[in-house]
PDB file of N, CA and C in Angstrom:
ATOM      1  N   UNK A   1      14.258  -2.362  -3.835  1.00  0.00           N
ATOM      2  CA  UNK A   1      13.447  -1.573  -2.939  1.00  0.00           C
ATOM      3  C   UNK A   1      13.684  -0.116  -3.228  1.00  0.00           C
ATOM      4  N   UNK A   2      12.746   0.712  -2.839  1.00  0.00           N
ATOM      5  CA  UNK A   2      12.893   2.153  -3.001  1.00  0.00           C
ATOM      6  C   UNK A   2      12.429   2.851  -1.752  1.00  0.00           C
ATOM      7  N   UNK A   3      13.092   3.946  -1.416  1.00  0.00           N
ATOM      8  CA  UNK A   3      12.747   4.736  -0.235  1.00  0.00           C
ATOM      9  C   UNK A   3      12.824   6.211  -0.607  1.00  0.00           C
ATOM     10  N   UNK A   4      11.908   6.990  -0.059  1.00  0.00           N
ATOM     11  CA  UNK A   4      11.965   8.438  -0.232  1.00  0.00           C
ATOM     12  C   UNK A   4      11.572   9.094   1.080  1.00  0.00           C
ATOM     13  N   UNK A   5      12.232  10.185   1.416  1.00  0.00           N
ATOM     14  CA  UNK A   5      11.917  10.972   2.609  1.00  0.00           C
ATOM     15  C   UNK A   5      11.852  12.431   2.188  1.00  0.00           C
ATOM     16  N   UNK A   6      10.800  13.106   2.598  1.00  0.00           N
ATOM     17  CA  UNK A   6      10.603  14.511   2.239  1.00  0.00           C
ATOM     18  C   UNK A   6      10.239  15.330   3.467  1.00  0.00           C
ATOM     19  N   UNK A   7      10.767  16.561   3.509  1.00  0.00           N
ATOM     20  CA  UNK A   7      10.325  17.543   4.486  1.00  0.00           C
ATOM     21  C   UNK A   7       8.969  18.040   4.018  1.00  0.00           C
ATOM     22  N   UNK A   8       7.953  17.944   4.870  1.00  0.00           N
ATOM     23  CA  UNK A   8       6.592  18.347   4.477  1.00  0.00           C
ATOM     24  C   UNK A   8       6.466  19.866   4.613  1.00  0.00           C
ATOM     25  N   UNK A   9       6.753  20.542   3.514  1.00  0.00           N
ATOM     26  CA  UNK A   9       6.730  22.004   3.491  1.00  0.00           C
ATOM     27  C   UNK A   9       5.401  22.504   2.930  1.00  0.00           C
ATOM     28  N   UNK A  10       4.582  23.126   3.745  1.00  0.00           N
ATOM     29  CA  UNK A  10       3.306  23.643   3.244  1.00  0.00           C
ATOM     30  C   UNK A  10       3.467  24.871   2.357  1.00  0.00           C
ATOM     31  N   UNK A  11       4.674  25.484   2.357  1.00  0.00           N
ATOM     32  CA  UNK A  11       4.888  26.693   1.569  1.00  0.00           C
ATOM     33  C   UNK A  11       5.198  26.397   0.090  1.00  0.00           C
ATOM     34  N   UNK A  12       5.332  25.141  -0.272  1.00  0.00           N
ATOM     35  CA  UNK A  12       5.554  24.785  -1.675  1.00  0.00           C
ATOM     36  C   UNK A  12       4.238  24.911  -2.439  1.00  0.00           C
ATOM     37  N   UNK A  13       4.304  25.125  -3.751  1.00  0.00           N
ATOM     38  CA  UNK A  13       3.075  25.239  -4.561  1.00  0.00           C
ATOM     39  C   UNK A  13       2.455  23.863  -4.799  1.00  0.00           C
ATOM     40  N   UNK A  14       1.857  23.293  -3.759  1.00  0.00           N
ATOM     41  CA  UNK A  14       1.369  21.918  -3.816  1.00  0.00           C
ATOM     42  C   UNK A  14       0.296  21.724  -4.885  1.00  0.00           C
ATOM     43  N   UNK A  15      -0.601  22.680  -5.019  1.00  0.00           N
ATOM     44  CA  UNK A  15      -1.662  22.551  -6.021  1.00  0.00           C
ATOM     45  C   UNK A  15      -1.068  22.543  -7.430  1.00  0.00           C
ATOM     46  N   UNK A  16      -0.130  23.438  -7.688  1.00  0.00           N
ATOM     47  CA  UNK A  16       0.507  23.490  -9.009  1.00  0.00           C
ATOM     48  C   UNK A  16       1.286  22.204  -9.291  1.00  0.00           C
ATOM     49  N   UNK A  17       2.014  21.713  -8.307  1.00  0.00           N
ATOM     50  CA  UNK A  17       2.770  20.472  -8.478  1.00  0.00           C
ATOM     51  C   UNK A  17       1.842  19.283  -8.719  1.00  0.00           C
ATOM     52  N   UNK A  18       0.733  19.229  -7.989  1.00  0.00           N
ATOM     53  CA  UNK A  18      -0.192  18.107  -8.182  1.00  0.00           C
ATOM     54  C   UNK A  18      -0.824  18.166  -9.573  1.00  0.00           C
ATOM     55  N   UNK A  19      -1.142  19.375 -10.056  1.00  0.00           N
ATOM     56  CA  UNK A  19      -1.695  19.492 -11.422  1.00  0.00           C
ATOM     57  C   UNK A  19      -0.687  19.030 -12.465  1.00  0.00           C
ATOM     58  N   UNK A  20       0.578  19.298 -12.210  1.00  0.00           N
ATOM     59  CA  UNK A  20       1.618  18.936 -13.179  1.00  0.00           C
ATOM     60  C   UNK A  20       1.932  17.440 -13.181  1.00  0.00           C
ATOM     61  N   UNK A  21       1.904  16.812 -12.002  1.00  0.00           N
ATOM     62  CA  UNK A  21       2.414  15.453 -11.899  1.00  0.00           C
ATOM     63  C   UNK A  21       1.378  14.379 -11.583  1.00  0.00           C
ATOM     64  N   UNK A  22       0.259  14.732 -10.958  1.00  0.00           N
ATOM     65  CA  UNK A  22      -0.674  13.708 -10.498  1.00  0.00           C
ATOM     66  C   UNK A  22      -1.832  13.542 -11.470  1.00  0.00           C
ATOM     67  N   UNK A  23      -2.373  12.322 -11.571  1.00  0.00           N
ATOM     68  CA  UNK A  23      -3.558  12.125 -12.407  1.00  0.00           C
ATOM     69  C   UNK A  23      -4.764  12.864 -11.807  1.00  0.00           C
ATOM     70  N   UNK A  24      -5.763  13.075 -12.620  1.00  0.00           N
ATOM     71  CA  UNK A  24      -6.934  13.880 -12.244  1.00  0.00           C
ATOM     72  C   UNK A  24      -7.577  13.399 -10.946  1.00  0.00           C
ATOM     73  N   UNK A  25      -7.743  12.109 -10.770  1.00  0.00           N
ATOM     74  CA  UNK A  25      -8.420  11.611  -9.563  1.00  0.00           C
ATOM     75  C   UNK A  25      -7.647  11.976  -8.298  1.00  0.00           C
ATOM     76  N   UNK A  26      -6.322  11.885  -8.338  1.00  0.00           N
ATOM     77  CA  UNK A  26      -5.527  12.278  -7.173  1.00  0.00           C
ATOM     78  C   UNK A  26      -5.610  13.786  -6.950  1.00  0.00           C
ATOM     79  N   UNK A  27      -5.623  14.564  -8.011  1.00  0.00           N
ATOM     80  CA  UNK A  27      -5.776  16.017  -7.889  1.00  0.00           C
ATOM     81  C   UNK A  27      -7.109  16.356  -7.221  1.00  0.00           C
ATOM     82  N   UNK A  28      -8.170  15.688  -7.678  1.00  0.00           N
ATOM     83  CA  UNK A  28      -9.501  15.930  -7.103  1.00  0.00           C
ATOM     84  C   UNK A  28      -9.547  15.536  -5.633  1.00  0.00           C
ATOM     85  N   UNK A  29      -8.924  14.410  -5.295  1.00  0.00           N
ATOM     86  CA  UNK A  29      -8.880  13.944  -3.907  1.00  0.00           C
ATOM     87  C   UNK A  29      -8.198  14.989  -3.028  1.00  0.00           C
ATOM     88  N   UNK A  30      -7.092  15.554  -3.514  1.00  0.00           N
ATOM     89  CA  UNK A  30      -6.400  16.594  -2.753  1.00  0.00           C
ATOM     90  C   UNK A  30      -7.255  17.849  -2.631  1.00  0.00           C
ATOM     91  N   UNK A  31      -7.912  18.241  -3.715  1.00  0.00           N
ATOM     92  CA  UNK A  31      -8.726  19.455  -3.714  1.00  0.00           C
ATOM     93  C   UNK A  31      -9.899  19.354  -2.747  1.00  0.00           C
ATOM     94  N   UNK A  32     -10.431  18.145  -2.557  1.00  0.00           N
ATOM     95  CA  UNK A  32     -11.551  17.954  -1.630  1.00  0.00           C
ATOM     96  C   UNK A  32     -11.099  17.872  -0.170  1.00  0.00           C
ATOM     97  N   UNK A  33      -9.802  17.822   0.052  1.00  0.00           N
ATOM     98  CA  UNK A  33      -9.263  17.726   1.408  1.00  0.00           C
ATOM     99  C   UNK A  33      -9.225  19.101   2.064  1.00  0.00           C
ATOM    100  N   UNK A  34      -9.254  19.109   3.372  1.00  0.00           N
ATOM    101  CA  UNK A  34      -9.082  20.370   4.095  1.00  0.00           C
ATOM    102  C   UNK A  34      -7.645  20.849   3.888  1.00  0.00           C
ATOM    103  N   UNK A  35      -7.401  22.105   4.164  1.00  0.00           N
ATOM    104  CA  UNK A  35      -6.051  22.662   4.005  1.00  0.00           C
ATOM    105  C   UNK A  35      -5.045  21.883   4.850  1.00  0.00           C
ATOM    106  N   UNK A  36      -5.444  21.503   6.052  1.00  0.00           N
ATOM    107  CA  UNK A  36      -4.547  20.750   6.934  1.00  0.00           C
ATOM    108  C   UNK A  36      -4.241  19.368   6.369  1.00  0.00           C
ATOM    109  N   UNK A  37      -5.237  18.721   5.765  1.00  0.00           N
ATOM    110  CA  UNK A  37      -5.045  17.381   5.201  1.00  0.00           C
ATOM    111  C   UNK A  37      -4.240  17.404   3.912  1.00  0.00           C
ATOM    112  N   UNK A  38      -4.353  18.477   3.141  1.00  0.00           N
ATOM    113  CA  UNK A  38      -3.717  18.533   1.827  1.00  0.00           C
ATOM    114  C   UNK A  38      -2.216  18.335   1.893  1.00  0.00           C
ATOM    115  N   UNK A  39      -1.560  18.927   2.857  1.00  0.00           N
ATOM    116  CA  UNK A  39      -0.107  18.816   2.951  1.00  0.00           C
ATOM    117  C   UNK A  39       0.301  17.360   3.163  1.00  0.00           C
ATOM    118  N   UNK A  40      -0.294  16.703   4.153  1.00  0.00           N
ATOM    119  CA  UNK A  40       0.040  15.306   4.427  1.00  0.00           C
ATOM    120  C   UNK A  40      -0.297  14.390   3.261  1.00  0.00           C
ATOM    121  N   UNK A  41      -1.444  14.616   2.639  1.00  0.00           N
ATOM    122  CA  UNK A  41      -1.856  13.774   1.517  1.00  0.00           C
ATOM    123  C   UNK A  41      -0.964  13.995   0.293  1.00  0.00           C
ATOM    124  N   UNK A  42      -0.611  15.242   0.025  1.00  0.00           N
ATOM    125  CA  UNK A  42       0.289  15.523  -1.093  1.00  0.00           C
ATOM    126  C   UNK A  42       1.605  14.767  -0.903  1.00  0.00           C
ATOM    127  N   UNK A  43       2.188  14.891   0.279  1.00  0.00           N
ATOM    128  CA  UNK A  43       3.481  14.243   0.518  1.00  0.00           C
ATOM    129  C   UNK A  43       3.362  12.725   0.593  1.00  0.00           C
ATOM    130  N   UNK A  44       2.218  12.207   0.991  1.00  0.00           N
ATOM    131  CA  UNK A  44       2.020  10.758   0.947  1.00  0.00           C
ATOM    132  C   UNK A  44       2.069  10.276  -0.503  1.00  0.00           C
ATOM    133  N   UNK A  45       1.392  10.989  -1.398  1.00  0.00           N
ATOM    134  CA  UNK A  45       1.427  10.624  -2.818  1.00  0.00           C
ATOM    135  C   UNK A  45       2.831  10.809  -3.391  1.00  0.00           C
ATOM    136  N   UNK A  46       3.439  11.939  -3.097  1.00  0.00           N
ATOM    137  CA  UNK A  46       4.760  12.248  -3.657  1.00  0.00           C
ATOM    138  C   UNK A  46       5.807  11.226  -3.212  1.00  0.00           C
ATOM    139  N   UNK A  47       5.860  10.941  -1.915  1.00  0.00           N
ATOM    140  CA  UNK A  47       6.874   9.996  -1.430  1.00  0.00           C
ATOM    141  C   UNK A  47       6.615   8.589  -1.957  1.00  0.00           C
ATOM    142  N   UNK A  48       5.341   8.201  -2.073  1.00  0.00           N
ATOM    143  CA  UNK A  48       5.026   6.878  -2.620  1.00  0.00           C
ATOM    144  C   UNK A  48       5.496   6.776  -4.064  1.00  0.00           C
ATOM    145  N   UNK A  49       5.235   7.797  -4.850  1.00  0.00           N
ATOM    146  CA  UNK A  49       5.645   7.783  -6.260  1.00  0.00           C
ATOM    147  C   UNK A  49       7.170   7.741  -6.377  1.00  0.00           C
ATOM    148  N   UNK A  50       7.862   8.502  -5.546  1.00  0.00           N
ATOM    149  CA  UNK A  50       9.330   8.494  -5.578  1.00  0.00           C
ATOM    150  C   UNK A  50       9.884   7.126  -5.159  1.00  0.00           C
ATOM    151  N   UNK A  51       9.312   6.537  -4.111  1.00  0.00           N
ATOM    152  CA  UNK A  51       9.775   5.218  -3.663  1.00  0.00           C
ATOM    153  C   UNK A  51       9.523   4.169  -4.750  1.00  0.00           C
ATOM    154  N   UNK A  52       8.359   4.220  -5.375  1.00  0.00           N
ATOM    155  CA  UNK A  52       8.054   3.294  -6.474  1.00  0.00           C
ATOM    156  C   UNK A  52       9.000   3.500  -7.644  1.00  0.00           C
ATOM    157  N   UNK A  53       9.243   4.741  -7.996  1.00  0.00           N
ATOM    158  CA  UNK A  53      10.149   5.096  -9.075  1.00  0.00           C
ATOM    159  C   UNK A  53      11.518   4.468  -8.840  1.00  0.00           C
ATOM    160  N   UNK A  54      12.014   4.579  -7.634  1.00  0.00           N
ATOM    161  CA  UNK A  54      13.332   4.019  -7.300  1.00  0.00           C
ATOM    162  C   UNK A  54      13.298   2.500  -7.273  1.00  0.00           C
ATOM    163  N   UNK A  55      12.236   1.916  -6.731  1.00  0.00           N
ATOM    164  CA  UNK A  55      12.148   0.449  -6.634  1.00  0.00           C
ATOM    165  C   UNK A  55      12.036  -0.211  -8.004  1.00  0.00           C
ATOM    166  N   UNK A  56      11.428   0.480  -8.950  1.00  0.00           N
ATOM    167  CA  UNK A  56      11.247  -0.082 -10.285  1.00  0.00           C
ATOM    168  C   UNK A  56      12.419   0.218 -11.213  1.00  0.00           C
ATOM    169  N   UNK A  57      13.507   0.731 -10.661  1.00  0.00           N
ATOM    170  CA  UNK A  57      14.706   0.925 -11.455  1.00  0.00           C
ATOM    171  C   UNK A  57      14.800   2.273 -12.135  1.00  0.00           C
ATOM    172  N   UNK A  58      14.104   3.264 -11.631  1.00  0.00           N
ATOM    173  CA  UNK A  58      14.172   4.625 -12.131  1.00  0.00           C
ATOM    174  C   UNK A  58      13.944   4.706 -13.639  1.00  0.00           C
ATOM    175  N   UNK A  59      12.723   4.414 -14.085  1.00  0.00           N
ATOM    176  CA  UNK A  59      12.415   4.484 -15.511  1.00  0.00           C
ATOM    177  C   UNK A  59      12.746   5.860 -16.076  1.00  0.00           C
ATOM    178  N   UNK A  60      13.145   5.929 -17.328  1.00  0.00           N
ATOM    179  CA  UNK A  60      13.584   7.202 -17.900  1.00  0.00           C
ATOM    180  C   UNK A  60      12.488   8.254 -18.021  1.00  0.00           C
ATOM    181  N   UNK A  61      11.235   7.855 -18.045  1.00  0.00           N
ATOM    182  CA  UNK A  61      10.142   8.820 -18.206  1.00  0.00           C
ATOM    183  C   UNK A  61       9.523   9.162 -16.853  1.00  0.00           C
ATOM    184  N   UNK A  62      10.274   9.856 -16.015  1.00  0.00           N
ATOM    185  CA  UNK A  62       9.853  10.129 -14.641  1.00  0.00           C
ATOM    186  C   UNK A  62       8.550  10.916 -14.565  1.00  0.00           C
ATOM    187  N   UNK A  63       8.391  11.925 -15.403  1.00  0.00           N
ATOM    188  CA  UNK A  63       7.170  12.725 -15.333  1.00  0.00           C
ATOM    189  C   UNK A  63       5.949  11.865 -15.656  1.00  0.00           C
ATOM    190  N   UNK A  64       6.073  10.996 -16.637  1.00  0.00           N
ATOM    191  CA  UNK A  64       4.967  10.099 -16.975  1.00  0.00           C
ATOM    192  C   UNK A  64       4.710   9.127 -15.821  1.00  0.00           C
ATOM    193  N   UNK A  65       5.788   8.660 -15.197  1.00  0.00           N
ATOM    194  CA  UNK A  65       5.643   7.723 -14.094  1.00  0.00           C
ATOM    195  C   UNK A  65       4.861   8.364 -12.953  1.00  0.00           C
ATOM    196  N   UNK A  66       5.123   9.628 -12.654  1.00  0.00           N
ATOM    197  CA  UNK A  66       4.419  10.314 -11.563  1.00  0.00           C
ATOM    198  C   UNK A  66       2.925  10.401 -11.831  1.00  0.00           C
ATOM    199  N   UNK A  67       2.533  10.352 -13.103  1.00  0.00           N
ATOM    200  CA  UNK A  67       1.115  10.464 -13.430  1.00  0.00           C
ATOM    201  C   UNK A  67       0.365   9.155 -13.212  1.00  0.00           C
ATOM    202  N   UNK A  68       1.068   8.073 -12.889  1.00  0.00           N
ATOM    203  CA  UNK A  68       0.389   6.812 -12.562  1.00  0.00           C
ATOM    204  C   UNK A  68      -0.320   6.959 -11.223  1.00  0.00           C
ATOM    205  N   UNK A  69      -1.520   6.456 -11.159  1.00  0.00           N
ATOM    206  CA  UNK A  69      -2.294   6.584  -9.936  1.00  0.00           C
ATOM    207  C   UNK A  69      -1.776   5.646  -8.854  1.00  0.00           C
ATOM    208  N   UNK A  70      -1.600   6.172  -7.647  1.00  0.00           N
ATOM    209  CA  UNK A  70      -1.144   5.376  -6.509  1.00  0.00           C
ATOM    210  C   UNK A  70      -2.342   4.831  -5.744  1.00  0.00           C
ATOM    211  N   UNK A  71      -3.257   5.698  -5.353  1.00  0.00           N
ATOM    212  CA  UNK A  71      -4.495   5.268  -4.720  1.00  0.00           C
ATOM    213  C   UNK A  71      -5.535   6.337  -4.947  1.00  0.00           C
ATOM    214  N   UNK A  72      -6.780   6.023  -4.653  1.00  0.00           N
ATOM    215  CA  UNK A  72      -7.838   6.984  -4.929  1.00  0.00           C
ATOM    216  C   UNK A  72      -8.802   7.092  -3.768  1.00  0.00           C
ATOM    217  N   UNK A  73      -9.608   8.123  -3.831  1.00  0.00           N
ATOM    218  CA  UNK A  73     -10.510   8.419  -2.725  1.00  0.00           C
ATOM    219  C   UNK A  73     -11.658   7.430  -2.618  1.00  0.00           C
ATOM    220  N   UNK A  74     -11.967   6.719  -3.710  1.00  0.00           N
ATOM    221  CA  UNK A  74     -13.055   5.737  -3.634  1.00  0.00           C
ATOM    222  C   UNK A  74     -12.665   4.556  -2.760  1.00  0.00           C
ATOM    223  N   UNK A  75     -11.421   4.142  -2.864  1.00  0.00           N
ATOM    224  CA  UNK A  75     -10.975   3.006  -2.063  1.00  0.00           C
ATOM    225  C   UNK A  75     -10.280   3.444  -0.783  1.00  0.00           C
ATOM    226  N   UNK A  76      -9.846   4.692  -0.725  1.00  0.00           N
ATOM    227  CA  UNK A  76      -9.119   5.190   0.446  1.00  0.00           C
ATOM    228  C   UNK A  76      -9.600   6.597   0.772  1.00  0.00           C
ATOM    229  N   UNK A  77     -10.373   6.734   1.826  1.00  0.00           N
ATOM    230  CA  UNK A  77     -10.824   8.055   2.243  1.00  0.00           C
ATOM    231  C   UNK A  77      -9.688   8.891   2.775  1.00  0.00           C
ATOM    232  N   UNK A  78      -8.687   8.229   3.316  1.00  0.00           N
ATOM    233  CA  UNK A  78      -7.495   8.917   3.806  1.00  0.00           C
ATOM    234  C   UNK A  78      -6.283   8.129   3.336  1.00  0.00           C
ATOM    235  N   UNK A  79      -5.115   8.534   3.756  1.00  0.00           N
ATOM    236  CA  UNK A  79      -3.904   7.825   3.351  1.00  0.00           C
ATOM    237  C   UNK A  79      -3.908   6.443   4.001  1.00  0.00           C
ATOM    238  N   UNK A  80      -3.799   5.388   3.200  1.00  0.00           N
ATOM    239  CA  UNK A  80      -3.792   4.040   3.786  1.00  0.00           C
ATOM    240  C   UNK A  80      -2.473   3.780   4.516  1.00  0.00           C
ATOM    241  N   UNK A  81      -2.471   2.774   5.358  1.00  0.00           N
ATOM    242  CA  UNK A  81      -1.232   2.414   6.061  1.00  0.00           C
ATOM    243  C   UNK A  81      -0.239   1.778   5.091  1.00  0.00           C
ATOM    244  N   UNK A  82      -0.728   0.856   4.290  1.00  0.00           N
ATOM    245  CA  UNK A  82       0.076   0.201   3.257  1.00  0.00           C
ATOM    246  C   UNK A  82      -0.838  -0.123   2.079  1.00  0.00           C
ATOM    247  N   UNK A  83      -0.252  -0.179   0.889  1.00  0.00           N
ATOM    248  CA  UNK A  83      -0.988  -0.560  -0.310  1.00  0.00           C
ATOM    249  C   UNK A  83      -0.065  -1.375  -1.207  1.00  0.00           C
ATOM    250  N   UNK A  84      -0.628  -2.028  -2.199  1.00  0.00           N
ATOM    251  CA  UNK A  84       0.169  -2.719  -3.211  1.00  0.00           C
ATOM    252  C   UNK A  84      -0.038  -1.980  -4.529  1.00  0.00           C
ATOM    253  N   UNK A  85       1.067  -1.578  -5.141  1.00  0.00           N
ATOM    254  CA  UNK A  85       1.055  -0.889  -6.429  1.00  0.00           C
ATOM    255  C   UNK A  85       2.063  -1.579  -7.336  1.00  0.00           C
ATOM    256  N   UNK A  86       1.605  -2.050  -8.482  1.00  0.00           N
ATOM    257  CA  UNK A  86       2.481  -2.703  -9.465  1.00  0.00           C
ATOM    258  C   UNK A  86       3.340  -3.798  -8.826  1.00  0.00           C
ATOM    259  N   UNK A  87       2.728  -4.586  -7.949  1.00  0.00           N
ATOM    260  CA  UNK A  87       3.432  -5.703  -7.331  1.00  0.00           C
ATOM    261  C   UNK A  87       4.363  -5.332  -6.197  1.00  0.00           C
ATOM    262  N   UNK A  88       4.305  -4.091  -5.730  1.00  0.00           N
ATOM    263  CA  UNK A  88       5.172  -3.640  -4.644  1.00  0.00           C
ATOM    264  C   UNK A  88       4.330  -3.167  -3.465  1.00  0.00           C
ATOM    265  N   UNK A  89       4.758  -3.553  -2.254  1.00  0.00           N
ATOM    266  CA  UNK A  89       4.145  -3.005  -1.037  1.00  0.00           C
ATOM    267  C   UNK A  89       4.662  -1.589  -0.874  1.00  0.00           C
ATOM    268  N   UNK A  90       3.763  -0.670  -0.613  1.00  0.00           N
ATOM    269  CA  UNK A  90       4.135   0.717  -0.342  1.00  0.00           C
ATOM    270  C   UNK A  90       3.592   1.063   1.035  1.00  0.00           C
ATOM    271  N   UNK A  91       4.438   1.655   1.857  1.00  0.00           N
ATOM    272  CA  UNK A  91       4.025   2.075   3.188  1.00  0.00           C
ATOM    273  C   UNK A  91       4.720   3.363   3.564  1.00  0.00           C
ATOM    274  N   UNK A  92       4.240   3.991   4.614  1.00  0.00           N
ATOM    275  CA  UNK A  92       4.750   5.295   5.029  1.00  0.00           C
ATOM    276  C   UNK A  92       5.263   5.240   6.458  1.00  0.00           C
ATOM    277  N   UNK A  93       6.165   6.155   6.772  1.00  0.00           N
ATOM    278  CA  UNK A  93       6.698   6.267   8.125  1.00  0.00           C
ATOM    279  C   UNK A  93       7.121   7.713   8.369  1.00  0.00           C
ATOM    280  N   UNK A  94       7.094   8.112   9.649  1.00  0.00           N
ATOM    281  CA  UNK A  94       7.598   9.429  10.019  1.00  0.00           C
ATOM    282  C   UNK A  94       9.096   9.284  10.245  1.00  0.00           C
ATOM    283  N   UNK A  95       9.886   9.922   9.383  1.00  0.00           N
ATOM    284  CA  UNK A  95      11.338   9.793   9.461  1.00  0.00           C
ATOM    285  C   UNK A  95      11.919  10.641  10.591  1.00  0.00           C
ATOM    286  N   UNK A  96      11.319  11.776  10.836  1.00  0.00           N
ATOM    287  CA  UNK A  96      11.687  12.715  11.900  1.00  0.00           C
ATOM    288  C   UNK A  96      10.522  13.698  11.973  1.00  0.00           C
ATOM    289  N   UNK A  97      10.445  14.507  13.013  1.00  0.00           N
ATOM    290  CA  UNK A  97       9.342  15.467  13.066  1.00  0.00           C
ATOM    291  C   UNK A  97       9.306  16.342  11.800  1.00  0.00           C
ATOM    292  N   UNK A  98       8.166  16.358  11.140  1.00  0.00           N
ATOM    293  CA  UNK A  98       8.006  17.153   9.935  1.00  0.00           C
ATOM    294  C   UNK A  98       8.444  16.476   8.653  1.00  0.00           C
ATOM    295  N   UNK A  99       8.960  15.252   8.741  1.00  0.00           N
ATOM    296  CA  UNK A  99       9.426  14.513   7.570  1.00  0.00           C
ATOM    297  C   UNK A  99       8.578  13.262   7.377  1.00  0.00           C
ATOM    298  N   UNK A 100       8.149  13.035   6.151  1.00  0.00           N
ATOM    299  CA  UNK A 100       7.401  11.822   5.825  1.00  0.00           C
ATOM    300  C   UNK A 100       8.242  10.958   4.904  1.00  0.00           C
ATOM    301  N   UNK A 101       8.273   9.672   5.197  1.00  0.00           N
ATOM    302  CA  UNK A 101       8.998   8.727   4.354  1.00  0.00           C
ATOM    303  C   UNK A 101       8.056   7.684   3.798  1.00  0.00           C
ATOM    304  N   UNK A 102       8.429   7.116   2.667  1.00  0.00           N
ATOM    305  CA  UNK A 102       7.686   6.011   2.067  1.00  0.00           C
ATOM    306  C   UNK A 102       8.693   4.972   1.585  1.00  0.00           C
ATOM    307  N   UNK A 103       8.263   3.722   1.603  1.00  0.00           N
ATOM    308  CA  UNK A 103       9.088   2.638   1.080  1.00  0.00           C
ATOM    309  C   UNK A 103       8.262   1.841   0.085  1.00  0.00           C
ATOM    310  N   UNK A 104       8.961   1.203  -0.844  1.00  0.00           N
ATOM    311  CA  UNK A 104       8.332   0.294  -1.801  1.00  0.00           C
ATOM    312  C   UNK A 104       9.211  -0.941  -1.884  1.00  0.00           C
ATOM    313  N   UNK A 105       8.639  -2.090  -1.555  1.00  0.00           N
ATOM    314  CA  UNK A 105       9.381  -3.352  -1.555  1.00  0.00           C
ATOM    315  C   UNK A 105       8.551  -4.399  -2.287  1.00  0.00           C
ATOM    316  N   UNK A 106       9.202  -5.454  -2.810  1.00  0.00           N
ATOM    317  CA  UNK A 106       8.437  -6.507  -3.486  1.00  0.00           C
ATOM    318  C   UNK A 106       7.339  -7.060  -2.576  1.00  0.00           C
ATOM    319  N   UNK A 107       6.203  -7.365  -3.155  1.00  0.00           N
ATOM    320  CA  UNK A 107       5.058  -7.816  -2.356  1.00  0.00           C
ATOM    321  C   UNK A 107       5.325  -9.146  -1.665  1.00  0.00           C
ATOM    322  N   UNK A 108       6.361  -9.864  -2.068  1.00  0.00           N
ATOM    323  CA  UNK A 108       6.714 -11.123  -1.400  1.00  0.00           C
ATOM    324  C   UNK A 108       7.288 -10.878  -0.009  1.00  0.00           C
ATOM    325  N   UNK A 109       7.758  -9.665   0.258  1.00  0.00           N
ATOM    326  CA  UNK A 109       8.305  -9.329   1.568  1.00  0.00           C
ATOM    327  C   UNK A 109       7.155  -9.346   2.568  1.00  0.00           C
ATOM    328  N   UNK A 110       7.301 -10.088   3.634  1.00  0.00           N
ATOM    329  CA  UNK A 110       6.218 -10.276   4.586  1.00  0.00           C
ATOM    330  C   UNK A 110       6.137  -9.150   5.621  1.00  0.00           C
ATOM    331  N   UNK A 111       7.277  -8.573   5.972  1.00  0.00           N
ATOM    332  CA  UNK A 111       7.261  -7.542   7.011  1.00  0.00           C
ATOM    333  C   UNK A 111       8.405  -6.574   6.749  1.00  0.00           C
ATOM    334  N   UNK A 112       8.148  -5.305   6.941  1.00  0.00           N
ATOM    335  CA  UNK A 112       9.178  -4.283   6.806  1.00  0.00           C
ATOM    336  C   UNK A 112       9.461  -3.728   8.184  1.00  0.00           C
ATOM    337  N   UNK A 113      10.725  -3.689   8.521  1.00  0.00           N
ATOM    338  CA  UNK A 113      11.136  -3.116   9.797  1.00  0.00           C
ATOM    339  C   UNK A 113      12.159  -2.027   9.520  1.00  0.00           C
ATOM    340  N   UNK A 114      12.137  -1.000  10.304  1.00  0.00           N
ATOM    341  CA  UNK A 114      13.128   0.047  10.188  1.00  0.00           C
ATOM    342  C   UNK A 114      13.371   0.610  11.583  1.00  0.00           C
ATOM    343  N   UNK A 115      14.560   1.115  11.769  1.00  0.00           N
ATOM    344  CA  UNK A 115      14.932   1.696  13.058  1.00  0.00           C
ATOM    345  C   UNK A 115      15.110   3.191  12.876  1.00  0.00           C
ATOM    346  N   UNK A 116      14.573   3.927  13.791  1.00  0.00           N
ATOM    347  CA  UNK A 116      14.741   5.378  13.780  1.00  0.00           C
ATOM    348  C   UNK A 116      15.522   5.755  15.022  1.00  0.00           C
ATOM    349  N   UNK A 117      16.385   6.777  14.888  1.00  0.00           N
ATOM    350  CA  UNK A 117      17.120   7.198  16.082  1.00  0.00           C
ATOM    351  C   UNK A 117      16.173   7.720  17.158  1.00  0.00           C
ATOM    352  N   UNK A 118      16.549   7.516  18.391  1.00  0.00           N
ATOM    353  CA  UNK A 118      15.708   7.963  19.522  1.00  0.00           C
ATOM    354  C   UNK A 118      15.735   9.454  19.670  1.00  0.00           C
TER     355      UNK A 118
END
């Protein structure tokens, strides 16, 4: 399994990072989003890619791995609740206010549960 949690910082160069790491379709999807949506969508893609990277055993070519498409605007107008990528369930959760988390687990797993502090 893989998990990633990120502080959603709008002050980071999100457009530059997406051009460097995301495939063209994901870049276009972000560019068509409103400014408010871009931050959440960027971090949804980023955390999903990091969780997948960790779940698949941290392949040595991380930059190439980030360029793999996670989801696209044709099938997902917004961030989906869960998706299957390369045989892994990927889902998102709010880890704390301002933090987005993603998990990637084998698709055979029927349900993912997690506890957050109150």
